[in-house]
Amino acid sequence: MKTKHIRQILLLLSMAALTPATYSKEVVAEKTPVVEKETLQKGSLTSMIHDSVTFSTLSKALAAAELDMTLGNKGEFTIFAPTDDAFGKLPAAVLAKLLLPENKEKLRSLLLYHVVAGKVLAAELKDGEVKTMNGEKITVAISRDTIKINSEKVFSADVAANNGVMHSIGTVLIPKSLEGFAGLSK
């Protein structure tokens, strides 16, 4: 009789010992993975653009095109950054249309036309064509003291960020693929 009780107690103890392990495996399996939210690196191109009063429209456009994190994290980029005055030269209806969610890809293309992979300082720029991040090419023209991108003067060069460099321009560059969209022209 005692042996029967001892066996039952051992059986219950062994079941009790297995239950927490089984339960904890089920709990772990049910947890959804935690995805880290991307954050902007301090000192990145995006954070510099965002913190500047001269580039508020560009900052808004980068966020609308979901490029703010791309230029705000790892990787090295060169951006020919249009100022607010540059965006002000566009007809208001064009900018409003570009910022609509359904035109996000067109806006991305426009903005990526201003970005070159890698960190390219003014002294490293050479006459000729350079492929941009949207796949189209810009034309660089260097004279003694002037840099022009698609015939538009760079007026502030070599603003360094921890993930690249920014050169300010006074005109929004229009890629060939977007000519005619909402009245855009070169």
N, C-alpha and C. Protein backbone atom coordinates (compact mmCIF):
# COMPACT_ATOMS: atom_id res chain seq x y z
N MET A 1 0.82 -1.18 0.00
CA MET A 1 0.00 0.00 0.00
C MET A 1 0.87 1.25 0.00
N LYS A 2 1.93 1.22 0.81
CA LYS A 2 2.81 2.37 0.87
C LYS A 2 3.50 2.60 -0.47
N THR A 3 3.84 1.54 -1.16
CA THR A 3 4.52 1.65 -2.45
C THR A 3 3.61 2.32 -3.47
N LYS A 4 2.31 1.99 -3.41
CA LYS A 4 1.36 2.58 -4.33
C LYS A 4 1.26 4.08 -4.09
N HIS A 5 1.22 4.53 -2.84
CA HIS A 5 1.15 5.95 -2.49
C HIS A 5 2.44 6.66 -2.90
N ILE A 6 3.55 6.02 -2.71
CA ILE A 6 4.84 6.63 -3.06
C ILE A 6 4.90 6.82 -4.58
N ARG A 7 4.44 5.83 -5.33
CA ARG A 7 4.43 5.95 -6.79
C ARG A 7 3.52 7.09 -7.25
N GLN A 8 2.34 7.22 -6.62
CA GLN A 8 1.42 8.29 -6.98
C GLN A 8 2.03 9.66 -6.67
N ILE A 9 2.69 9.75 -5.52
CA ILE A 9 3.32 11.01 -5.13
C ILE A 9 4.45 11.35 -6.11
N LEU A 10 5.26 10.34 -6.45
CA LEU A 10 6.34 10.56 -7.41
C LEU A 10 5.79 10.97 -8.78
N LEU A 11 4.70 10.34 -9.19
CA LEU A 11 4.08 10.67 -10.46
C LEU A 11 3.59 12.13 -10.45
N LEU A 12 2.93 12.52 -9.36
CA LEU A 12 2.45 13.90 -9.24
C LEU A 12 3.61 14.89 -9.22
N LEU A 13 4.66 14.57 -8.49
CA LEU A 13 5.82 15.46 -8.43
C LEU A 13 6.49 15.60 -9.80
N SER A 14 6.60 14.49 -10.52
CA SER A 14 7.23 14.56 -11.83
C SER A 14 6.36 15.37 -12.80
N MET A 15 5.06 15.24 -12.68
CA MET A 15 4.16 16.02 -13.53
C MET A 15 4.25 17.50 -13.18
N ALA A 16 4.32 17.78 -11.90
CA ALA A 16 4.44 19.16 -11.45
C ALA A 16 5.76 19.76 -11.92
N ALA A 17 6.81 18.98 -11.93
CA ALA A 17 8.11 19.47 -12.37
C ALA A 17 8.12 19.78 -13.86
N LEU A 18 7.37 19.03 -14.64
CA LEU A 18 7.32 19.25 -16.09
C LEU A 18 6.38 20.38 -16.48
N THR A 19 5.36 20.62 -15.72
CA THR A 19 4.36 21.61 -16.07
C THR A 19 4.93 23.02 -16.22
N PRO A 20 5.74 23.54 -15.30
CA PRO A 20 6.26 24.90 -15.50
C PRO A 20 7.11 25.03 -16.76
N ALA A 21 7.89 24.03 -17.10
CA ALA A 21 8.72 24.09 -18.30
C ALA A 21 7.84 24.13 -19.54
N THR A 22 6.84 23.33 -19.58
CA THR A 22 5.92 23.30 -20.71
C THR A 22 5.19 24.62 -20.80
N TYR A 23 4.73 25.13 -19.69
CA TYR A 23 4.00 26.39 -19.66
C TYR A 23 4.89 27.53 -20.14
N SER A 24 6.12 27.56 -19.65
CA SER A 24 7.00 28.67 -20.02
C SER A 24 7.34 28.61 -21.50
N LYS A 25 7.45 27.41 -22.10
CA LYS A 25 7.70 27.32 -23.53
C LYS A 25 6.53 27.89 -24.31
N GLU A 26 5.31 27.60 -23.85
CA GLU A 26 4.13 28.11 -24.53
C GLU A 26 4.08 29.62 -24.44
N VAL A 27 4.41 30.18 -23.29
CA VAL A 27 4.39 31.63 -23.12
C VAL A 27 5.41 32.29 -24.03
N VAL A 28 6.61 31.72 -24.10
CA VAL A 28 7.65 32.26 -24.97
C VAL A 28 7.21 32.20 -26.42
N ALA A 29 6.59 31.10 -26.82
CA ALA A 29 6.16 30.94 -28.20
C ALA A 29 5.07 31.93 -28.56
N GLU A 30 4.25 32.34 -27.60
CA GLU A 30 3.16 33.25 -27.87
C GLU A 30 3.60 34.70 -27.96
N LYS A 31 4.76 35.05 -27.43
CA LYS A 31 5.21 36.44 -27.44
C LYS A 31 5.53 36.86 -28.87
N THR A 32 5.13 38.07 -29.20
CA THR A 32 5.47 38.59 -30.52
C THR A 32 6.85 39.25 -30.43
N PRO A 33 7.63 39.13 -31.48
CA PRO A 33 8.96 39.73 -31.43
C PRO A 33 8.87 41.25 -31.33
N VAL A 34 9.77 41.83 -30.59
CA VAL A 34 9.81 43.27 -30.41
C VAL A 34 10.66 43.85 -31.53
N VAL A 35 10.08 44.75 -32.29
CA VAL A 35 10.81 45.40 -33.38
C VAL A 35 11.29 46.75 -32.88
N GLU A 36 12.60 46.96 -33.00
CA GLU A 36 13.15 48.24 -32.56
C GLU A 36 12.71 49.33 -33.51
N LYS A 37 12.25 50.42 -32.94
CA LYS A 37 11.86 51.56 -33.75
C LYS A 37 13.13 52.31 -34.14
N GLU A 38 13.23 52.62 -35.44
CA GLU A 38 14.39 53.35 -35.91
C GLU A 38 14.36 54.76 -35.33
N THR A 39 15.52 55.23 -34.96
CA THR A 39 15.64 56.60 -34.49
C THR A 39 16.73 57.30 -35.28
N LEU A 40 16.60 58.58 -35.37
CA LEU A 40 17.59 59.37 -36.08
C LEU A 40 18.88 59.46 -35.28
N GLN A 41 19.98 59.31 -35.98
CA GLN A 41 21.27 59.51 -35.33
C GLN A 41 21.49 61.00 -35.12
N LYS A 42 21.97 61.34 -33.96
CA LYS A 42 22.30 62.73 -33.69
C LYS A 42 23.47 63.12 -34.60
N GLY A 43 23.36 64.26 -35.25
CA GLY A 43 24.40 64.73 -36.15
C GLY A 43 24.31 64.19 -37.55
N SER A 44 23.23 63.44 -37.86
CA SER A 44 23.04 62.89 -39.21
C SER A 44 22.55 63.98 -40.16
N LEU A 45 22.56 63.67 -41.43
CA LEU A 45 22.05 64.62 -42.42
C LEU A 45 20.61 65.01 -42.11
N THR A 46 19.77 64.03 -41.83
CA THR A 46 18.36 64.33 -41.53
C THR A 46 18.22 65.21 -40.30
N SER A 47 18.97 64.93 -39.25
CA SER A 47 18.84 65.75 -38.03
C SER A 47 19.35 67.17 -38.28
N MET A 48 20.42 67.32 -39.08
CA MET A 48 20.90 68.67 -39.42
C MET A 48 19.85 69.43 -40.23
N ILE A 49 19.26 68.76 -41.22
CA ILE A 49 18.23 69.39 -42.05
C ILE A 49 17.02 69.75 -41.19
N HIS A 50 16.62 68.83 -40.34
CA HIS A 50 15.45 69.05 -39.46
C HIS A 50 15.68 70.22 -38.49
N ASP A 51 16.90 70.35 -38.00
CA ASP A 51 17.20 71.39 -37.01
C ASP A 51 17.44 72.77 -37.63
N SER A 52 17.51 72.85 -38.94
CA SER A 52 17.79 74.11 -39.61
C SER A 52 16.50 74.79 -40.05
N VAL A 53 16.41 76.09 -39.84
CA VAL A 53 15.23 76.83 -40.29
C VAL A 53 15.25 77.03 -41.80
N THR A 54 16.40 76.88 -42.43
CA THR A 54 16.55 77.09 -43.87
C THR A 54 16.02 75.92 -44.68
N PHE A 55 15.86 74.75 -44.05
CA PHE A 55 15.49 73.54 -44.78
C PHE A 55 14.20 72.90 -44.25
N SER A 56 13.26 73.70 -43.76
CA SER A 56 12.04 73.14 -43.18
C SER A 56 11.18 72.42 -44.23
N THR A 57 11.13 72.93 -45.46
CA THR A 57 10.35 72.26 -46.50
C THR A 57 11.01 70.95 -46.89
N LEU A 58 12.33 70.94 -47.01
CA LEU A 58 13.05 69.70 -47.32
C LEU A 58 12.83 68.67 -46.22
N SER A 59 12.86 69.11 -44.98
CA SER A 59 12.63 68.21 -43.85
C SER A 59 11.24 67.59 -43.93
N LYS A 60 10.25 68.40 -44.23
CA LYS A 60 8.86 67.92 -44.37
C LYS A 60 8.75 66.93 -45.53
N ALA A 61 9.41 67.25 -46.64
CA ALA A 61 9.36 66.38 -47.82
C ALA A 61 10.07 65.05 -47.56
N LEU A 62 11.20 65.07 -46.87
CA LEU A 62 11.90 63.83 -46.53
C LEU A 62 11.03 62.92 -45.68
N ALA A 63 10.31 63.51 -44.73
CA ALA A 63 9.42 62.72 -43.87
C ALA A 63 8.26 62.16 -44.69
N ALA A 64 7.67 62.97 -45.57
CA ALA A 64 6.54 62.51 -46.40
C ALA A 64 6.96 61.38 -47.34
N ALA A 65 8.20 61.42 -47.82
CA ALA A 65 8.70 60.39 -48.73
C ALA A 65 9.32 59.22 -47.99
N GLU A 66 9.30 59.29 -46.67
CA GLU A 66 9.90 58.27 -45.80
C GLU A 66 11.38 58.06 -46.10
N LEU A 67 12.08 59.15 -46.38
CA LEU A 67 13.52 59.12 -46.59
C LEU A 67 14.28 59.69 -45.40
N ASP A 68 13.54 60.21 -44.43
CA ASP A 68 14.19 60.80 -43.26
C ASP A 68 15.04 59.78 -42.50
N MET A 69 14.56 58.56 -42.37
CA MET A 69 15.34 57.53 -41.67
C MET A 69 16.53 57.06 -42.51
N THR A 70 16.35 57.02 -43.81
CA THR A 70 17.45 56.62 -44.70
C THR A 70 18.62 57.58 -44.54
N LEU A 71 18.36 58.87 -44.56
CA LEU A 71 19.42 59.86 -44.43
C LEU A 71 19.73 60.18 -42.97
N GLY A 72 19.05 59.52 -42.07
CA GLY A 72 19.24 59.79 -40.65
C GLY A 72 19.92 58.67 -39.91
N ASN A 73 20.36 57.65 -40.62
CA ASN A 73 21.00 56.51 -39.97
C ASN A 73 22.33 56.20 -40.63
N LYS A 74 22.67 54.92 -40.66
CA LYS A 74 23.96 54.50 -41.18
C LYS A 74 24.01 54.65 -42.70
N GLY A 75 25.22 54.62 -43.21
CA GLY A 75 25.45 54.82 -44.63
C GLY A 75 26.02 56.21 -44.83
N GLU A 76 26.68 56.42 -45.95
CA GLU A 76 27.21 57.75 -46.24
C GLU A 76 26.55 58.29 -47.49
N PHE A 77 26.17 59.55 -47.43
CA PHE A 77 25.46 60.19 -48.52
C PHE A 77 25.97 61.61 -48.72
N THR A 78 25.78 62.10 -49.93
CA THR A 78 25.98 63.51 -50.25
C THR A 78 24.65 64.01 -50.74
N ILE A 79 24.19 65.11 -50.16
CA ILE A 79 22.91 65.69 -50.59
C ILE A 79 23.14 67.11 -51.06
N PHE A 80 22.57 67.40 -52.23
CA PHE A 80 22.53 68.75 -52.76
C PHE A 80 21.17 69.28 -52.31
N ALA A 81 21.18 69.94 -51.16
CA ALA A 81 19.95 70.25 -50.43
C ALA A 81 19.31 71.57 -50.87
N PRO A 82 18.11 71.49 -51.46
CA PRO A 82 17.40 72.72 -51.81
C PRO A 82 16.87 73.42 -50.55
N THR A 83 17.06 74.71 -50.50
CA THR A 83 16.60 75.51 -49.37
C THR A 83 15.09 75.74 -49.47
N ASP A 84 14.53 76.35 -48.44
CA ASP A 84 13.12 76.72 -48.48
C ASP A 84 12.85 77.69 -49.64
N ASP A 85 13.79 78.61 -49.90
CA ASP A 85 13.64 79.53 -51.02
C ASP A 85 13.59 78.78 -52.34
N ALA A 86 14.39 77.71 -52.46
CA ALA A 86 14.38 76.89 -53.67
C ALA A 86 13.01 76.25 -53.87
N PHE A 87 12.45 75.67 -52.81
CA PHE A 87 11.11 75.08 -52.91
C PHE A 87 10.07 76.16 -53.18
N GLY A 88 10.32 77.38 -52.67
CA GLY A 88 9.39 78.49 -52.91
C GLY A 88 9.31 78.90 -54.37
N LYS A 89 10.32 78.55 -55.17
CA LYS A 89 10.31 78.86 -56.60
C LYS A 89 9.37 77.94 -57.38
N LEU A 90 9.03 76.80 -56.78
CA LEU A 90 8.07 75.89 -57.41
C LEU A 90 6.67 76.46 -57.25
N PRO A 91 5.79 76.25 -58.22
CA PRO A 91 4.40 76.65 -58.00
C PRO A 91 3.84 75.92 -56.77
N ALA A 92 3.11 76.63 -55.95
CA ALA A 92 2.57 76.05 -54.71
C ALA A 92 1.77 74.77 -54.97
N ALA A 93 1.04 74.74 -56.07
CA ALA A 93 0.22 73.57 -56.38
C ALA A 93 1.08 72.34 -56.65
N VAL A 94 2.27 72.55 -57.24
CA VAL A 94 3.17 71.44 -57.53
C VAL A 94 3.66 70.81 -56.24
N LEU A 95 4.12 71.64 -55.33
CA LEU A 95 4.62 71.13 -54.05
C LEU A 95 3.50 70.43 -53.28
N ALA A 96 2.33 71.03 -53.25
CA ALA A 96 1.19 70.41 -52.56
C ALA A 96 0.87 69.05 -53.17
N LYS A 97 0.92 68.95 -54.49
CA LYS A 97 0.61 67.69 -55.17
C LYS A 97 1.68 66.64 -54.86
N LEU A 98 2.95 67.06 -54.85
CA LEU A 98 4.04 66.12 -54.55
C LEU A 98 3.93 65.56 -53.13
N LEU A 99 3.41 66.35 -52.21
CA LEU A 99 3.32 65.92 -50.82
C LEU A 99 2.11 65.02 -50.53
N LEU A 100 1.25 64.81 -51.52
CA LEU A 100 0.11 63.92 -51.33
C LEU A 100 0.60 62.47 -51.22
N PRO A 101 -0.03 61.67 -50.35
CA PRO A 101 0.40 60.27 -50.18
C PRO A 101 0.44 59.47 -51.48
N GLU A 102 -0.49 59.72 -52.38
CA GLU A 102 -0.50 58.95 -53.63
C GLU A 102 0.67 59.29 -54.56
N ASN A 103 1.37 60.38 -54.27
CA ASN A 103 2.53 60.77 -55.08
C ASN A 103 3.86 60.56 -54.35
N LYS A 104 3.83 59.70 -53.34
CA LYS A 104 5.03 59.46 -52.53
C LYS A 104 6.21 58.99 -53.38
N GLU A 105 5.98 58.12 -54.34
CA GLU A 105 7.08 57.61 -55.17
C GLU A 105 7.67 58.70 -56.05
N LYS A 106 6.83 59.60 -56.54
CA LYS A 106 7.33 60.73 -57.34
C LYS A 106 8.17 61.66 -56.46
N LEU A 107 7.70 61.91 -55.26
CA LEU A 107 8.45 62.75 -54.32
C LEU A 107 9.77 62.09 -53.96
N ARG A 108 9.75 60.79 -53.72
CA ARG A 108 10.99 60.05 -53.43
C ARG A 108 11.98 60.20 -54.59
N SER A 109 11.49 60.05 -55.81
CA SER A 109 12.35 60.18 -56.98
C SER A 109 12.95 61.58 -57.06
N LEU A 110 12.13 62.59 -56.83
CA LEU A 110 12.61 63.97 -56.85
C LEU A 110 13.69 64.19 -55.80
N LEU A 111 13.44 63.73 -54.59
CA LEU A 111 14.41 63.93 -53.51
C LEU A 111 15.68 63.12 -53.72
N LEU A 112 15.53 61.88 -54.17
CA LEU A 112 16.72 61.04 -54.40
C LEU A 112 17.56 61.54 -55.56
N TYR A 113 16.99 62.37 -56.41
CA TYR A 113 17.75 63.01 -57.49
C TYR A 113 18.75 64.02 -56.91
N HIS A 114 18.55 64.41 -55.67
CA HIS A 114 19.45 65.34 -54.99
C HIS A 114 20.50 64.62 -54.14
N VAL A 115 20.49 63.28 -54.15
CA VAL A 115 21.36 62.50 -53.26
C VAL A 115 22.29 61.61 -54.08
N VAL A 116 23.56 61.60 -53.66
CA VAL A 116 24.57 60.75 -54.27
C VAL A 116 25.10 59.82 -53.18
N ALA A 117 25.33 58.57 -53.53
CA ALA A 117 25.88 57.62 -52.56
C ALA A 117 27.32 58.01 -52.23
N GLY A 118 27.66 57.91 -50.96
CA GLY A 118 29.02 58.22 -50.51
C GLY A 118 29.16 59.68 -50.09
N LYS A 119 30.25 59.96 -49.44
CA LYS A 119 30.55 61.31 -48.97
C LYS A 119 31.48 61.97 -49.99
N VAL A 120 30.96 62.98 -50.69
CA VAL A 120 31.73 63.66 -51.72
C VAL A 120 31.89 65.13 -51.34
N LEU A 121 33.08 65.49 -50.95
CA LEU A 121 33.37 66.88 -50.59
C LEU A 121 33.51 67.72 -51.86
N ALA A 122 33.39 69.03 -51.73
CA ALA A 122 33.47 69.93 -52.88
C ALA A 122 34.78 69.75 -53.64
N ALA A 123 35.88 69.58 -52.94
CA ALA A 123 37.19 69.42 -53.58
C ALA A 123 37.28 68.12 -54.38
N GLU A 124 36.42 67.16 -54.10
CA GLU A 124 36.42 65.87 -54.80
C GLU A 124 35.51 65.85 -56.02
N LEU A 125 34.65 66.86 -56.16
CA LEU A 125 33.74 66.94 -57.30
C LEU A 125 34.54 67.26 -58.56
N LYS A 126 34.15 66.65 -59.67
CA LYS A 126 34.82 66.86 -60.95
C LYS A 126 33.77 67.11 -62.02
N ASP A 127 34.18 67.80 -63.08
CA ASP A 127 33.27 68.02 -64.21
C ASP A 127 32.77 66.69 -64.74
N GLY A 128 31.50 66.65 -65.08
CA GLY A 128 30.94 65.45 -65.68
C GLY A 128 29.62 65.06 -65.04
N GLU A 129 29.18 63.86 -65.40
CA GLU A 129 27.91 63.36 -64.89
C GLU A 129 28.14 62.46 -63.68
N VAL A 130 27.20 62.53 -62.75
CA VAL A 130 27.25 61.72 -61.53
C VAL A 130 25.89 61.06 -61.36
N LYS A 131 25.88 59.76 -61.13
CA LYS A 131 24.63 59.03 -60.93
C LYS A 131 24.08 59.33 -59.53
N THR A 132 22.79 59.65 -59.49
CA THR A 132 22.13 59.94 -58.21
C THR A 132 21.42 58.70 -57.70
N MET A 133 20.88 58.79 -56.50
CA MET A 133 20.21 57.66 -55.86
C MET A 133 18.88 57.30 -56.53
N ASN A 134 18.35 58.16 -57.41
CA ASN A 134 17.13 57.78 -58.13
C ASN A 134 17.47 57.11 -59.46
N GLY A 135 18.77 56.98 -59.77
CA GLY A 135 19.21 56.29 -60.98
C GLY A 135 19.51 57.22 -62.14
N GLU A 136 19.07 58.46 -62.07
CA GLU A 136 19.35 59.42 -63.12
C GLU A 136 20.64 60.17 -62.80
N LYS A 137 21.15 60.91 -63.78
CA LYS A 137 22.42 61.60 -63.59
C LYS A 137 22.25 63.11 -63.50
N ILE A 138 23.10 63.71 -62.68
CA ILE A 138 23.21 65.16 -62.61
C ILE A 138 24.53 65.55 -63.28
N THR A 139 24.61 66.78 -63.73
CA THR A 139 25.83 67.26 -64.36
C THR A 139 26.54 68.21 -63.40
N VAL A 140 27.82 67.94 -63.15
CA VAL A 140 28.64 68.76 -62.28
C VAL A 140 29.56 69.60 -63.16
N ALA A 141 29.61 70.90 -62.90
CA ALA A 141 30.51 71.80 -63.62
C ALA A 141 31.31 72.58 -62.58
N ILE A 142 32.62 72.49 -62.68
CA ILE A 142 33.51 73.15 -61.72
C ILE A 142 34.27 74.26 -62.44
N SER A 143 34.25 75.44 -61.87
CA SER A 143 35.13 76.51 -62.34
C SER A 143 36.02 76.90 -61.15
N ARG A 144 36.81 77.88 -61.32
CA ARG A 144 37.79 78.23 -60.29
C ARG A 144 37.19 78.30 -58.88
N ASP A 145 36.12 79.01 -58.73
CA ASP A 145 35.54 79.19 -57.39
C ASP A 145 34.05 78.89 -57.33
N THR A 146 33.54 78.18 -58.33
CA THR A 146 32.11 77.91 -58.39
C THR A 146 31.87 76.44 -58.72
N ILE A 147 30.89 75.89 -58.04
CA ILE A 147 30.41 74.53 -58.34
C ILE A 147 28.97 74.68 -58.80
N LYS A 148 28.67 74.06 -59.94
CA LYS A 148 27.29 74.08 -60.43
C LYS A 148 26.81 72.65 -60.62
N ILE A 149 25.57 72.42 -60.20
CA ILE A 149 24.89 71.15 -60.39
C ILE A 149 23.73 71.41 -61.33
N ASN A 150 23.74 70.78 -62.51
CA ASN A 150 22.72 71.06 -63.53
C ASN A 150 22.56 72.56 -63.75
N SER A 151 23.66 73.26 -63.84
CA SER A 151 23.73 74.71 -64.07
C SER A 151 23.28 75.55 -62.88
N GLU A 152 23.01 74.93 -61.75
CA GLU A 152 22.59 75.66 -60.55
C GLU A 152 23.76 75.74 -59.56
N LYS A 153 24.02 76.92 -59.08
CA LYS A 153 25.17 77.16 -58.22
C LYS A 153 25.00 76.57 -56.81
N VAL A 154 26.06 75.91 -56.35
CA VAL A 154 26.13 75.47 -54.95
C VAL A 154 26.63 76.68 -54.17
N PHE A 155 25.87 77.12 -53.18
CA PHE A 155 26.30 78.32 -52.47
C PHE A 155 26.81 78.05 -51.07
N SER A 156 26.62 76.88 -50.56
CA SER A 156 27.18 76.50 -49.27
C SER A 156 27.60 75.04 -49.38
N ALA A 157 28.91 74.81 -49.34
CA ALA A 157 29.41 73.46 -49.56
C ALA A 157 30.02 72.87 -48.30
N ASP A 158 30.12 71.56 -48.30
CA ASP A 158 30.85 70.81 -47.27
C ASP A 158 30.33 70.98 -45.85
N VAL A 159 29.02 71.00 -45.70
CA VAL A 159 28.44 71.00 -44.36
C VAL A 159 28.46 69.53 -43.91
N ALA A 160 29.34 69.23 -42.97
CA ALA A 160 29.58 67.84 -42.59
C ALA A 160 28.55 67.31 -41.60
N ALA A 161 28.18 66.06 -41.81
CA ALA A 161 27.31 65.32 -40.89
C ALA A 161 28.05 64.03 -40.56
N ASN A 162 27.57 63.30 -39.56
CA ASN A 162 28.26 62.05 -39.21
C ASN A 162 28.01 60.94 -40.22
N ASN A 163 27.10 61.15 -41.17
CA ASN A 163 26.85 60.14 -42.19
C ASN A 163 26.93 60.72 -43.61
N GLY A 164 27.67 61.80 -43.76
CA GLY A 164 27.83 62.36 -45.09
C GLY A 164 28.09 63.84 -45.09
N VAL A 165 27.72 64.45 -46.20
CA VAL A 165 27.97 65.89 -46.38
C VAL A 165 26.81 66.51 -47.14
N MET A 166 26.56 67.79 -46.86
CA MET A 166 25.48 68.51 -47.50
C MET A 166 26.06 69.72 -48.22
N HIS A 167 25.56 69.95 -49.45
CA HIS A 167 25.87 71.14 -50.23
C HIS A 167 24.53 71.82 -50.51
N SER A 168 24.39 73.09 -50.15
CA SER A 168 23.12 73.80 -50.33
C SER A 168 23.00 74.36 -51.74
N ILE A 169 21.80 74.26 -52.29
CA ILE A 169 21.52 74.83 -53.60
C ILE A 169 20.24 75.66 -53.53
N GLY A 170 20.11 76.60 -54.45
CA GLY A 170 18.98 77.51 -54.43
C GLY A 170 17.86 77.16 -55.38
N THR A 171 17.91 75.95 -55.95
CA THR A 171 16.88 75.51 -56.89
C THR A 171 16.60 74.03 -56.65
N VAL A 172 15.35 73.65 -56.80
CA VAL A 172 14.99 72.23 -56.74
C VAL A 172 15.34 71.63 -58.11
N LEU A 173 16.18 70.61 -58.09
CA LEU A 173 16.57 69.93 -59.32
C LEU A 173 15.44 69.01 -59.77
N ILE A 174 15.10 69.06 -61.04
CA ILE A 174 14.00 68.26 -61.57
C ILE A 174 14.57 67.15 -62.46
N PRO A 175 14.37 65.88 -62.08
CA PRO A 175 14.84 64.79 -62.93
C PRO A 175 14.00 64.69 -64.20
N LYS A 176 14.60 64.18 -65.28
CA LYS A 176 13.88 64.02 -66.55
C LYS A 176 12.61 63.20 -66.38
N SER A 177 12.65 62.20 -65.51
CA SER A 177 11.49 61.33 -65.33
C SER A 177 10.28 62.05 -64.76
N LEU A 178 10.48 63.23 -64.16
CA LEU A 178 9.35 63.96 -63.58
C LEU A 178 8.97 65.21 -64.37
N GLU A 179 9.67 65.48 -65.47
CA GLU A 179 9.31 66.64 -66.28
C GLU A 179 7.87 66.49 -66.75
N GLY A 180 7.11 67.55 -66.59
CA GLY A 180 5.71 67.53 -66.99
C GLY A 180 4.76 67.15 -65.87
N PHE A 181 5.27 66.50 -64.80
CA PHE A 181 4.38 66.14 -63.69
C PHE A 181 3.92 67.42 -62.99
N ALA A 182 2.66 67.66 -62.99
CA ALA A 182 2.04 68.83 -62.33
C ALA A 182 2.71 70.13 -62.73
N GLY A 183 3.22 70.20 -63.96
CA GLY A 183 3.84 71.44 -64.43
C GLY A 183 5.30 71.58 -64.12
N LEU A 184 5.95 70.52 -63.64
CA LEU A 184 7.40 70.60 -63.36
C LEU A 184 8.17 70.72 -64.66
N SER A 185 9.18 71.54 -64.65
CA SER A 185 10.08 71.63 -65.80
C SER A 185 11.46 72.01 -65.31
N LYS A 186 12.43 71.70 -66.14
CA LYS A 186 13.84 71.99 -65.79
C LYS A 186 14.11 73.46 -65.86
